[in-house]
Amino acid sequence: MFPSYGADHSHHAYDILTSVLLGLAAFSLAYGTWATKRLRKELKVRSSAHTEALALAQHDALTGLPNRRRLLEAFSDLIRDVKPDHFRAVMMLDLDGFKPINDVYGHAFGDNLLRSFADRLAETLGKEGIVARLGGDEFAIVSPVFKDKSEAGGFARRLLTRINDRFEFGDRQISIGSGIGIAMYPHDGHAITELLRRADIALYRAKSSGRSTYRFFEVDMDASILHRTLLEQRLRRAISEQEVKAYYQPILDLDTGKIAGFEALARWTDTDFGAVPPLQFIPIAEDCGIISELTQHLLADACKVARTWPEDLYLSFNLSPVQLQDNGLPEQISAILNAHGFPPQRLVLEITETSLVKNPDSAKRILAELTDLGISIALDDFGAGHSSLSYLRDFPIKKVKIDRSFTERMLSDKQCAAIVEAILVLSKGLDIDAVAEGVEESDVHDALNQNGCHYGQGFLFAAAVSAEEASGLLDAQADGRLPFGAKTDAA
C-alpha cells in the first residue's frame, strides 16, 4: 500500500512541475514576443527621431532651407556629375538694407520677408541645385550644371529680376534689392568653403558697384578684400581711440564775403595707410555697423568747437543714409546738443537723396522729429542722384547744395549752367537757401553771384581745416570778409 502511494505521489508532483515549467515557458515566450515588438517599436521611434533630428540639424528652422552644414555635405554629390568643360556656379546673396527693415517694421515682418525671399530663390532654382540659408540674411546657391559662363550670368539676372518684384504682406508692399557674387567650380576652386569665400568677395564687389547687380570672382579681388579687411580693423581701432577727426570747411555768404558757417568733414590719417579718403572709410563704417559710433563722436567734437564761434554762424554736419533708418537718431542728436550746450537752431544736418529713396516713410518721420527740435535739414549733392521735386515738397528741406559736378563745369557746359540756373530759380521760389559746392575759380564765384546764388563752398575760399585753423580763418576776415582770390591747392 505505501509503495503504491509513494509512486502516485511522485508522478503527481512530476505533473505539477511539468505544468509549471510549461507555463513559465509559455509566459517567457509571450513576454519575449511582447518585449521584442516593444523593442522594435522603440527602435523605430528612435530611428525616426534620429532621422528627424538629423533633418532639423541640417535645415534652417525659419525658412525650411538646407543650412550651411547640409550645403557642405551635399556639395560632393552635386559636383560628382560635372563633366569636363562644364561647371556649377556657387553664388552668395544677401538682402540690401535688411537691418533697417527689421528695425522699422519689426522682427515678425523681417521673418516673413526672409521666408518669401527664400521661396523665390528655391522657385527660381528648381531641383537641379541647392539653395541654403547660411544665417541672418545670407543665402548661398549651388547652381545647375552650366556649359559656359554666360549661362551663369543669365541665371543670376533671372534671380535678380525675381527678387526685385515687390513683396506683398497684407496691405503693406516693399521692394528690396540684392547683390550676387559668383565663384565657378572647378575654375575658382574645388572645396566648397573656398568657393563660398570667393563668392562672398565677389558679392562685396557687386554691392559696391550698385544696386541689384552681380559679379564673377576675379583673382585681383582677393588683394582688394585683404586691403579692405585690414583697413576695417584699423578703422575700428581709430574710432574707439577717437583718431578720426572733424575738419571744417567754410561756407561763405557770396554777397558779403563773410563766413556764414562751417561744414564738419571727417578726416582720418593712419600710421600705415596714410591719409584715407572719406569716400573710402565712410562706406566701410556703414557696412560694418560702426557709423553711428563715428557720427556721435564727430558731432560731439564739432559742437564743442562750434560753440566757440560767433553766434550767427551755423554748423553743417553730414548724416549717413544708414542713420535715417534709426528711430533713435533724434534722441541721440538731442542728447549730444544738450551735453555740449549747442543750440539746435545753429545745426544743419545734411542728407543725400539716397537716404530718402531707401525708406521715405521712416526718413520723413525722423526728419520731422529733428526739425521739431529746431534743427535745419539740407539736401546734399542736389541734382546728381535720384532728383525729385517731391522731396522738396514732402520733406522739411531748408537748404539745397548744388552738386560740384555742375558748379565746376557751369562756365564751359551750357547744360550744367542751365541746371545751376534752374536750381537757383527753384530754390528762390520755394524760399530755400542754395549752397553751391566746388567753387574753385573766381569766375565761377562771380557767375554764381550774378545768378542769385547767396552761398558758396570750395577751395577758392578754403579747404577743410582743423579747429584751430578755422578759428584763424574767422580772425583773418579783414573788414568782415574772408580774403580769397586764385584757386587754392586741393590738399
Protein backbone atom coordinates (compact mmCIF):
# COMPACT_ATOMS: atom_id res chain seq x y z
CA MET A 1 0.00 0.00 0.00
CA PHE A 2 2.65 2.55 0.94
CA PRO A 3 4.91 1.89 -2.03
CA SER A 4 1.98 2.42 -4.42
CA TYR A 5 1.07 5.67 -2.72
CA GLY A 6 4.67 6.95 -2.99
CA ALA A 7 4.76 6.22 -6.69
CA ASP A 8 1.50 8.04 -7.35
CA HIS A 9 2.61 10.98 -5.29
CA SER A 10 5.90 11.27 -7.19
CA HIS A 11 4.04 11.08 -10.51
CA HIS A 12 1.63 13.80 -9.42
CA ALA A 13 4.49 16.07 -8.31
CA TYR A 14 6.17 15.50 -11.66
CA ASP A 15 3.00 16.56 -13.49
CA ILE A 16 2.75 19.70 -11.41
CA LEU A 17 6.40 20.59 -12.05
CA THR A 18 5.97 19.94 -15.76
CA SER A 19 2.90 22.16 -15.88
CA VAL A 20 4.71 24.93 -14.04
CA LEU A 21 7.66 24.70 -16.39
CA LEU A 22 5.41 24.71 -19.43
CA GLY A 23 3.55 27.71 -18.01
CA LEU A 24 6.79 29.55 -17.42
CA ALA A 25 7.94 28.70 -20.93
CA ALA A 26 4.68 29.96 -22.40
CA PHE A 27 4.88 33.13 -20.30
CA SER A 28 8.51 33.67 -21.31
CA LEU A 29 7.61 33.16 -24.94
CA ALA A 30 4.71 35.60 -24.69
CA TYR A 31 6.80 38.14 -22.78
CA GLY A 32 9.68 37.73 -25.21
CA THR A 33 7.34 38.30 -28.15
CA TRP A 34 5.84 41.38 -26.47
CA ALA A 35 9.27 42.71 -25.48
CA THR A 36 10.59 42.15 -29.00
CA LYS A 37 7.65 44.03 -30.51
CA ARG A 38 8.10 46.83 -27.98
CA LEU A 39 11.84 46.98 -28.67
CA ARG A 40 11.21 47.09 -32.41
CA LYS A 41 8.68 49.87 -31.91
CA GLU A 42 11.07 51.80 -29.68
CA LEU A 43 13.90 51.34 -32.18
CA LYS A 44 11.60 52.56 -34.94
CA VAL A 45 10.65 55.61 -32.86
CA ARG A 46 14.28 56.27 -32.03
CA SER A 47 15.27 55.86 -35.67
CA SER A 48 12.51 58.23 -36.74
CA ALA A 49 13.52 60.70 -34.04
CA HIS A 50 17.15 60.41 -35.13
CA THR A 51 16.18 60.99 -38.76
CA GLU A 52 14.04 63.96 -37.74
CA ALA A 53 16.80 65.36 -35.54
CA LEU A 54 19.29 64.92 -38.38
CA ALA A 55 16.91 66.71 -40.75
CA LEU A 56 16.44 69.53 -38.25
CA ALA A 57 20.19 69.78 -37.75
CA GLN A 58 20.64 70.15 -41.50
CA HIS A 59 17.84 72.63 -42.21
CA ASP A 60 17.06 76.20 -41.24
CA ALA A 61 14.13 76.37 -38.83
CA LEU A 62 12.75 79.67 -40.20
CA THR A 63 12.80 79.09 -43.97
CA GLY A 64 12.99 75.29 -44.17
CA LEU A 65 16.00 75.59 -46.50
CA PRO A 66 19.14 73.50 -46.05
CA ASN A 67 21.64 75.17 -43.74
CA ARG A 68 25.41 75.55 -44.06
CA ARG A 69 26.07 72.05 -42.69
CA ARG A 70 23.78 70.43 -45.25
CA LEU A 71 25.28 72.52 -48.05
CA LEU A 72 28.79 71.39 -47.16
CA GLU A 73 27.70 67.72 -47.08
CA ALA A 74 25.69 67.89 -50.32
CA PHE A 75 28.36 69.63 -52.39
CA SER A 76 30.40 66.47 -53.03
CA ASP A 77 27.31 64.80 -54.54
CA LEU A 78 26.49 67.85 -56.64
CA ILE A 79 29.91 68.02 -58.29
CA ARG A 80 30.12 64.28 -58.97
CA ASP A 81 28.18 64.63 -62.24
CA VAL A 82 30.03 67.69 -63.54
CA LYS A 83 31.67 66.71 -66.83
CA PRO A 84 34.89 68.23 -68.18
CA ASP A 85 34.33 71.70 -69.66
CA HIS A 86 31.16 72.04 -67.58
CA PHE A 87 30.76 73.74 -64.22
CA ARG A 88 28.48 74.70 -61.37
CA ALA A 89 28.28 78.25 -60.01
CA VAL A 90 28.45 78.89 -56.27
CA MET A 91 26.55 82.11 -55.52
CA MET A 92 26.34 84.30 -52.42
CA LEU A 93 23.39 86.66 -51.85
CA ASP A 94 22.01 88.91 -49.14
CA LEU A 95 19.20 91.45 -48.79
CA ASP A 96 20.01 95.14 -49.22
CA GLY A 97 19.04 97.14 -46.14
CA PHE A 98 17.57 94.20 -44.21
CA LYS A 99 18.55 95.54 -40.78
CA PRO A 100 16.69 98.87 -41.19
CA ILE A 101 13.63 96.96 -42.45
CA ASN A 102 13.79 94.76 -39.36
CA ASP A 103 14.15 97.80 -37.11
CA VAL A 104 11.31 99.77 -38.71
CA TYR A 105 8.70 97.02 -39.27
CA GLY A 106 9.66 94.54 -36.56
CA HIS A 107 11.21 91.07 -36.47
CA ALA A 108 7.97 89.27 -37.38
CA PHE A 109 7.82 91.24 -40.63
CA GLY A 110 11.53 90.55 -41.19
CA ASP A 111 10.96 86.81 -40.72
CA ASN A 112 8.12 86.86 -43.27
CA LEU A 113 10.36 88.70 -45.71
CA LEU A 114 13.14 86.13 -45.28
CA ARG A 115 10.70 83.26 -45.87
CA SER A 116 9.33 84.89 -49.03
CA PHE A 117 12.85 85.67 -50.24
CA ALA A 118 13.85 82.02 -49.65
CA ASP A 119 10.77 80.78 -51.55
CA ARG A 120 11.66 82.94 -54.56
CA LEU A 121 15.22 81.61 -54.62
CA ALA A 122 14.06 77.99 -54.39
CA GLU A 123 11.37 78.55 -57.02
CA THR A 124 13.85 80.11 -59.48
CA LEU A 125 16.49 77.44 -58.88
CA GLY A 126 14.26 74.39 -59.28
CA LYS A 127 15.58 70.91 -58.44
CA GLU A 128 18.92 70.95 -60.24
CA GLY A 129 20.99 72.52 -57.44
CA ILE A 130 20.66 73.61 -53.84
CA VAL A 131 19.83 76.87 -52.06
CA ALA A 132 20.81 77.27 -48.41
CA ARG A 133 20.40 79.89 -45.72
CA LEU A 134 23.76 80.46 -44.08
CA GLY A 135 22.47 82.76 -41.33
CA GLY A 136 20.83 86.16 -40.94
CA ASP A 137 20.04 87.46 -44.44
CA GLU A 138 22.87 85.47 -46.08
CA PHE A 139 21.98 82.81 -48.65
CA ALA A 140 24.06 80.55 -50.89
CA ILE A 141 23.15 78.74 -54.10
CA VAL A 142 24.87 75.92 -55.95
CA SER A 143 23.54 76.24 -59.49
CA PRO A 144 22.57 73.62 -62.06
CA VAL A 145 25.35 72.42 -64.35
CA PHE A 146 26.22 75.02 -66.99
CA LYS A 147 28.22 74.78 -70.18
CA ASP A 148 29.56 78.33 -70.32
CA LYS A 149 29.85 81.47 -68.20
CA SER A 150 27.05 83.32 -69.98
CA GLU A 151 24.53 80.77 -68.70
CA ALA A 152 25.56 81.58 -65.12
CA GLY A 153 25.15 85.28 -65.86
CA GLY A 154 21.69 84.69 -67.30
CA PHE A 155 20.68 82.67 -64.25
CA ALA A 156 21.91 85.47 -61.95
CA ARG A 157 19.86 88.02 -63.92
CA ARG A 158 16.74 85.85 -63.57
CA LEU A 159 17.32 85.66 -59.83
CA LEU A 160 17.68 89.45 -59.54
CA THR A 161 14.56 90.05 -61.65
CA ARG A 162 12.51 87.76 -59.41
CA ILE A 163 13.94 89.33 -56.24
CA ASN A 164 13.17 92.86 -57.48
CA ASP A 165 9.43 92.09 -57.76
CA ARG A 166 7.50 93.75 -54.94
CA PHE A 167 6.90 91.71 -51.79
CA GLU A 168 3.32 92.00 -50.54
CA PHE A 169 2.27 91.27 -46.96
CA GLY A 170 -1.37 92.21 -46.47
CA ASP A 171 -1.74 95.90 -47.20
CA ARG A 172 1.99 96.50 -46.99
CA GLN A 173 4.30 96.38 -50.01
CA ILE A 174 8.06 96.56 -50.02
CA SER A 175 10.80 96.44 -52.64
CA ILE A 176 14.27 95.15 -51.84
CA GLY A 177 17.43 94.58 -53.78
CA SER A 178 20.24 92.06 -53.60
CA GLY A 179 23.70 91.59 -54.99
CA ILE A 180 25.09 88.27 -56.20
CA GLY A 181 28.70 87.13 -56.01
CA ILE A 182 29.67 84.15 -58.19
CA ALA A 183 32.55 81.68 -57.97
CA MET A 184 32.86 78.86 -60.50
CA TYR A 185 33.58 75.19 -59.78
CA PRO A 186 36.16 73.96 -60.71
CA HIS A 187 37.73 77.11 -62.20
CA ASP A 188 37.81 79.12 -58.96
CA GLY A 189 38.35 76.22 -56.58
CA HIS A 190 37.35 72.68 -55.63
CA ALA A 191 36.47 72.99 -51.94
CA ILE A 192 33.06 74.45 -51.13
CA THR A 193 34.49 76.54 -48.27
CA GLU A 194 36.94 78.25 -50.62
CA LEU A 195 34.26 78.76 -53.29
CA LEU A 196 31.94 80.35 -50.73
CA ARG A 197 34.73 82.65 -49.59
CA ARG A 198 35.45 83.74 -53.13
CA ALA A 199 31.76 84.18 -53.95
CA ASP A 200 31.48 86.37 -50.84
CA ILE A 201 34.36 88.51 -52.10
CA ALA A 202 32.59 88.87 -55.46
CA LEU A 203 29.37 89.78 -53.60
CA TYR A 204 31.15 92.65 -51.87
CA ARG A 205 32.33 93.92 -55.25
CA ALA A 206 28.80 93.58 -56.66
CA LYS A 207 27.30 95.62 -53.82
CA SER A 208 29.99 98.26 -54.25
CA SER A 209 29.06 98.53 -57.94
CA GLY A 210 25.42 99.44 -57.40
CA ARG A 211 22.01 98.08 -56.56
CA SER A 212 20.88 94.65 -57.82
CA THR A 213 23.86 93.52 -59.82
CA TYR A 214 26.18 90.50 -59.94
CA ARG A 215 29.91 89.98 -60.25
CA PHE A 216 32.10 86.97 -61.00
CA PHE A 217 35.10 86.36 -58.78
CA GLU A 218 38.41 87.63 -60.16
CA VAL A 219 41.83 86.93 -58.72
CA ASP A 220 42.68 90.59 -58.11
CA MET A 221 39.63 90.84 -55.83
CA ASP A 222 41.47 88.87 -53.17
CA ALA A 223 44.08 91.61 -52.78
CA SER A 224 41.45 94.38 -52.59
CA ILE A 225 39.43 92.48 -49.98
CA LEU A 226 42.55 91.88 -47.89
CA HIS A 227 43.26 95.63 -48.07
CA ARG A 228 39.69 96.40 -47.04
CA THR A 229 39.80 93.91 -44.15
CA LEU A 230 42.99 95.46 -42.81
CA LEU A 231 41.51 98.94 -43.27
CA GLU A 232 38.38 97.92 -41.37
CA GLN A 233 40.45 96.62 -38.46
CA ARG A 234 42.44 99.87 -38.31
CA LEU A 235 39.26 101.96 -38.62
CA ARG A 236 37.61 100.15 -35.69
CA ARG A 237 40.64 100.92 -33.55
CA ALA A 238 40.79 104.53 -34.79
CA ILE A 239 37.14 105.11 -33.91
CA SER A 240 37.48 103.55 -30.46
CA GLU A 241 40.54 105.72 -29.80
CA GLN A 242 38.91 108.80 -31.40
CA GLU A 243 41.60 109.21 -34.04
CA VAL A 244 39.09 110.21 -36.74
CA LYS A 245 38.86 114.00 -36.52
CA ALA A 246 36.41 116.66 -37.67
CA TYR A 247 37.80 119.28 -40.06
CA TYR A 248 35.91 122.41 -41.04
CA GLN A 249 35.33 123.93 -44.48
CA PRO A 250 33.86 127.45 -44.52
CA ILE A 251 30.59 128.25 -46.29
CA LEU A 252 30.60 131.85 -47.49
CA ASP A 253 27.85 134.38 -47.94
CA LEU A 254 28.68 135.38 -51.52
CA ASP A 255 27.01 138.77 -51.12
CA THR A 256 29.03 139.91 -48.11
CA GLY A 257 32.10 137.69 -48.38
CA LYS A 258 31.66 136.68 -44.73
CA ILE A 259 31.77 133.15 -43.37
CA ALA A 260 28.17 132.04 -42.75
CA GLY A 261 29.08 128.68 -41.27
CA PHE A 262 31.33 125.64 -41.50
CA GLU A 263 30.72 122.12 -42.73
CA ALA A 264 32.28 119.46 -40.48
CA LEU A 265 34.05 116.79 -42.55
CA ALA A 266 35.57 113.53 -41.28
CA ARG A 267 39.33 113.17 -41.73
CA TRP A 268 41.47 110.16 -40.82
CA THR A 269 45.20 109.67 -41.11
CA ASP A 270 46.50 106.17 -40.32
CA THR A 271 50.12 105.48 -39.42
CA ASP A 272 50.41 102.81 -42.15
CA PHE A 273 47.79 103.75 -44.76
CA GLY A 274 48.39 107.48 -44.52
CA ALA A 275 45.52 109.89 -45.24
CA VAL A 276 42.49 107.70 -46.01
CA PRO A 277 39.80 109.46 -48.12
CA PRO A 278 36.31 109.69 -46.55
CA LEU A 279 34.86 108.08 -49.68
CA GLN A 280 36.89 105.01 -48.71
CA PHE A 281 36.40 104.73 -44.95
CA ILE A 282 32.83 106.04 -44.54
CA PRO A 283 31.29 103.15 -46.59
CA ILE A 284 33.34 100.69 -44.52
CA ALA A 285 31.97 102.22 -41.31
CA GLU A 286 28.43 101.89 -42.73
CA ASP A 287 28.91 98.28 -43.83
CA CYS A 288 30.34 97.05 -40.53
CA GLY A 289 27.85 98.89 -38.33
CA ILE A 290 30.10 101.46 -36.66
CA ILE A 291 28.88 104.57 -38.47
CA SER A 292 26.64 105.60 -35.56
CA GLU A 293 29.55 105.49 -33.12
CA LEU A 294 31.68 107.53 -35.52
CA THR A 295 28.93 110.10 -36.11
CA GLN A 296 28.24 110.64 -32.43
CA HIS A 297 31.93 111.17 -31.66
CA LEU A 298 32.43 113.63 -34.56
CA LEU A 299 29.22 115.56 -33.85
CA ALA A 300 30.14 115.92 -30.17
CA ASP A 301 33.59 117.27 -31.11
CA ALA A 302 32.12 119.60 -33.72
CA CYS A 303 29.57 121.01 -31.26
CA LYS A 304 32.34 121.76 -28.75
CA VAL A 305 34.27 123.63 -31.43
CA ALA A 306 31.27 125.43 -32.97
CA ARG A 307 30.20 126.68 -29.54
CA THR A 308 33.29 128.97 -29.60
CA TRP A 309 32.30 130.61 -32.91
CA PRO A 310 30.19 133.79 -33.22
CA GLU A 311 26.54 133.02 -32.52
CA ASP A 312 25.39 133.88 -36.05
CA LEU A 313 27.50 131.06 -37.57
CA TYR A 314 25.98 127.62 -38.15
CA LEU A 315 27.46 124.11 -38.11
CA SER A 316 26.67 121.82 -41.05
CA PHE A 317 27.03 118.08 -40.46
CA ASN A 318 26.54 115.06 -42.74
CA LEU A 319 24.30 112.12 -41.88
CA SER A 320 24.78 108.67 -43.40
CA PRO A 321 21.80 107.16 -45.28
CA VAL A 322 22.03 104.26 -42.83
CA GLN A 323 21.28 106.56 -39.92
CA LEU A 324 17.99 107.80 -41.39
CA GLN A 325 16.64 104.32 -40.69
CA ASP A 326 17.48 104.57 -36.97
CA ASN A 327 14.44 105.63 -34.95
CA GLY A 328 16.68 106.59 -32.06
CA LEU A 329 18.62 109.18 -34.09
CA PRO A 330 16.70 112.32 -32.95
CA GLU A 331 17.15 111.37 -29.31
CA GLN A 332 20.88 110.72 -29.83
CA ILE A 333 21.45 114.09 -31.51
CA SER A 334 19.37 115.94 -28.91
CA ALA A 335 21.45 114.37 -26.13
CA ILE A 336 24.70 115.49 -27.80
CA LEU A 337 23.44 119.06 -28.27
CA ASN A 338 22.28 119.25 -24.64
CA ALA A 339 25.53 117.76 -23.32
CA HIS A 340 27.63 120.43 -25.08
CA GLY A 341 25.24 123.35 -24.83
CA PHE A 342 24.96 123.88 -28.60
CA PRO A 343 21.68 125.41 -29.82
CA PRO A 344 19.79 123.14 -32.26
CA GLN A 345 18.89 126.25 -34.31
CA ARG A 346 22.56 126.55 -35.28
CA LEU A 347 22.82 122.95 -36.53
CA VAL A 348 22.19 121.97 -40.16
CA LEU A 349 22.09 118.24 -40.93
CA GLU A 350 22.95 117.30 -44.50
CA ILE A 351 21.27 114.26 -46.04
CA THR A 352 21.51 112.76 -49.53
CA GLU A 353 18.71 111.86 -51.90
CA THR A 354 19.67 108.20 -51.44
CA SER A 355 18.60 108.48 -47.80
CA LEU A 356 15.08 109.41 -48.88
CA VAL A 357 14.77 106.77 -51.60
CA LYS A 358 15.54 103.79 -49.36
CA ASN A 359 12.71 104.26 -46.88
CA PRO A 360 10.78 107.50 -47.35
CA ASP A 361 8.26 106.85 -44.56
CA SER A 362 10.93 106.26 -41.93
CA ALA A 363 13.02 109.20 -43.19
CA LYS A 364 10.03 111.54 -43.12
CA ARG A 365 9.20 110.62 -39.54
CA ILE A 366 12.78 111.02 -38.32
CA LEU A 367 13.31 114.33 -40.15
CA ALA A 368 10.08 115.68 -38.68
CA GLU A 369 11.34 114.88 -35.17
CA LEU A 370 14.66 116.59 -35.91
CA THR A 371 13.02 119.75 -37.25
CA ASP A 372 10.74 119.81 -34.19
CA LEU A 373 13.94 120.17 -32.17
CA GLY A 374 14.80 123.29 -34.20
CA ILE A 375 17.40 121.61 -36.44
CA SER A 376 17.52 122.54 -40.16
CA ILE A 377 17.79 119.94 -42.94
CA ALA A 378 19.88 120.37 -46.11
CA LEU A 379 19.67 118.18 -49.21
CA ASP A 380 23.25 117.45 -50.29
CA ASP A 381 24.51 116.79 -53.86
CA PHE A 382 21.22 118.05 -55.27
CA GLY A 383 20.74 117.18 -58.93
CA ALA A 384 23.30 114.37 -59.02
CA GLY A 385 21.18 111.49 -57.70
CA HIS A 386 17.54 110.43 -57.79
CA SER A 387 16.46 114.06 -58.01
CA SER A 388 12.78 114.56 -57.41
CA LEU A 389 10.97 117.82 -56.77
CA SER A 390 8.61 115.90 -54.50
CA TYR A 391 11.42 115.70 -51.93
CA LEU A 392 11.35 119.48 -51.59
CA ARG A 393 7.58 119.37 -51.20
CA ASP A 394 7.21 116.36 -48.90
CA PHE A 395 10.25 116.71 -46.65
CA PRO A 396 11.27 119.60 -44.36
CA ILE A 397 14.17 120.76 -46.55
CA LYS A 398 15.56 124.25 -45.76
CA LYS A 399 18.71 124.16 -47.92
CA VAL A 400 19.86 122.51 -51.14
CA LYS A 401 23.51 122.05 -52.01
CA ILE A 402 24.21 122.21 -55.73
CA ASP A 403 26.46 119.29 -56.64
CA ARG A 404 30.01 120.22 -57.56
CA SER A 405 29.78 118.33 -60.87
CA PHE A 406 27.50 121.15 -62.14
CA THR A 407 29.28 124.05 -60.45
CA GLU A 408 32.74 123.14 -61.75
CA ARG A 409 31.56 122.97 -65.39
CA MET A 410 28.96 125.71 -65.47
CA LEU A 411 31.26 128.07 -67.43
CA SER A 412 32.14 125.52 -70.10
CA ASP A 413 28.99 123.39 -70.34
CA LYS A 414 25.66 125.00 -71.25
CA GLN A 415 23.67 122.14 -69.79
CA CYS A 416 25.43 122.45 -66.43
CA ALA A 417 24.87 126.20 -66.48
CA ALA A 418 21.17 125.68 -67.19
CA ILE A 419 20.84 123.15 -64.36
CA VAL A 420 22.51 125.51 -61.87
CA GLU A 421 20.27 128.37 -63.00
CA ALA A 422 17.15 126.18 -62.71
CA ILE A 423 18.07 125.07 -59.17
CA LEU A 424 18.62 128.68 -58.13
CA VAL A 425 15.24 129.75 -59.56
CA LEU A 426 13.56 126.79 -57.88
CA SER A 427 15.17 127.45 -54.50
CA LYS A 428 14.17 131.11 -54.65
CA GLY A 429 10.57 130.23 -55.49
CA LEU A 430 10.38 127.73 -52.61
CA ASP A 431 12.18 130.08 -50.22
CA ILE A 432 15.00 127.55 -49.76
CA ASP A 433 18.67 128.55 -49.44
CA ALA A 434 21.03 127.25 -52.14
CA VAL A 435 24.70 126.50 -51.47
CA ALA A 436 27.00 125.91 -54.44
CA GLU A 437 29.66 123.28 -53.80
CA GLY A 438 33.00 123.01 -55.59
CA VAL A 439 33.66 126.73 -56.11
CA GLU A 440 37.30 126.77 -57.17
CA GLU A 441 37.60 129.74 -59.54
CA SER A 442 36.85 133.46 -59.19
CA ASP A 443 34.90 133.44 -62.47
CA VAL A 444 32.61 130.69 -61.12
CA HIS A 445 32.12 132.72 -57.94
CA ASP A 446 31.15 135.79 -59.98
CA ALA A 447 28.77 133.83 -62.20
CA LEU A 448 27.03 132.28 -59.20
CA ASN A 449 26.68 135.66 -57.54
CA GLN A 450 25.19 137.19 -60.68
CA ASN A 451 22.66 134.34 -60.91
CA GLY A 452 21.46 134.96 -57.37
CA CYS A 453 23.30 132.21 -55.51
CA HIS A 454 23.84 133.53 -51.98
CA TYR A 455 26.16 130.84 -50.55
CA GLY A 456 29.25 129.01 -51.81
CA GLN A 457 31.78 126.48 -50.63
CA GLY A 458 35.02 125.32 -52.19
CA PHE A 459 38.79 125.53 -52.44
CA LEU A 460 38.61 129.09 -53.77
CA PHE A 461 37.76 130.12 -50.23
CA ALA A 462 39.46 127.38 -48.18
CA ALA A 463 39.86 123.63 -47.93
CA ALA A 464 38.68 121.77 -44.83
CA VAL A 465 40.94 122.81 -41.94
CA SER A 466 41.47 121.90 -38.31
CA ALA A 467 39.53 123.54 -35.49
CA GLU A 468 42.47 125.86 -34.72
CA GLU A 469 42.82 126.88 -38.37
CA ALA A 470 39.06 127.50 -38.59
CA SER A 471 39.40 129.98 -35.72
CA GLY A 472 42.28 131.55 -37.64
CA LEU A 473 40.05 131.98 -40.70
CA LEU A 474 37.49 133.78 -38.57
CA ASP A 475 40.16 136.06 -37.17
CA ALA A 476 41.53 136.69 -40.69
CA GLN A 477 38.29 138.15 -42.01
CA ALA A 478 39.52 141.63 -42.93
CA ASP A 479 36.74 144.18 -42.73
CA GLY A 480 34.30 141.38 -42.13
CA ARG A 481 35.27 139.47 -45.30
CA LEU A 482 37.36 136.37 -45.89
CA PRO A 483 40.20 137.18 -48.34
CA PHE A 484 40.29 134.87 -51.35
CA GLY A 485 41.35 135.01 -54.94
CA ALA A 486 43.15 132.47 -57.08
CA LYS A 487 42.30 128.78 -56.91
CA THR A 488 43.99 127.12 -53.92
CA ASP A 489 45.63 123.75 -53.69
CA ALA A 490 43.13 120.96 -53.03
CA ALA A 491 45.45 119.40 -50.46
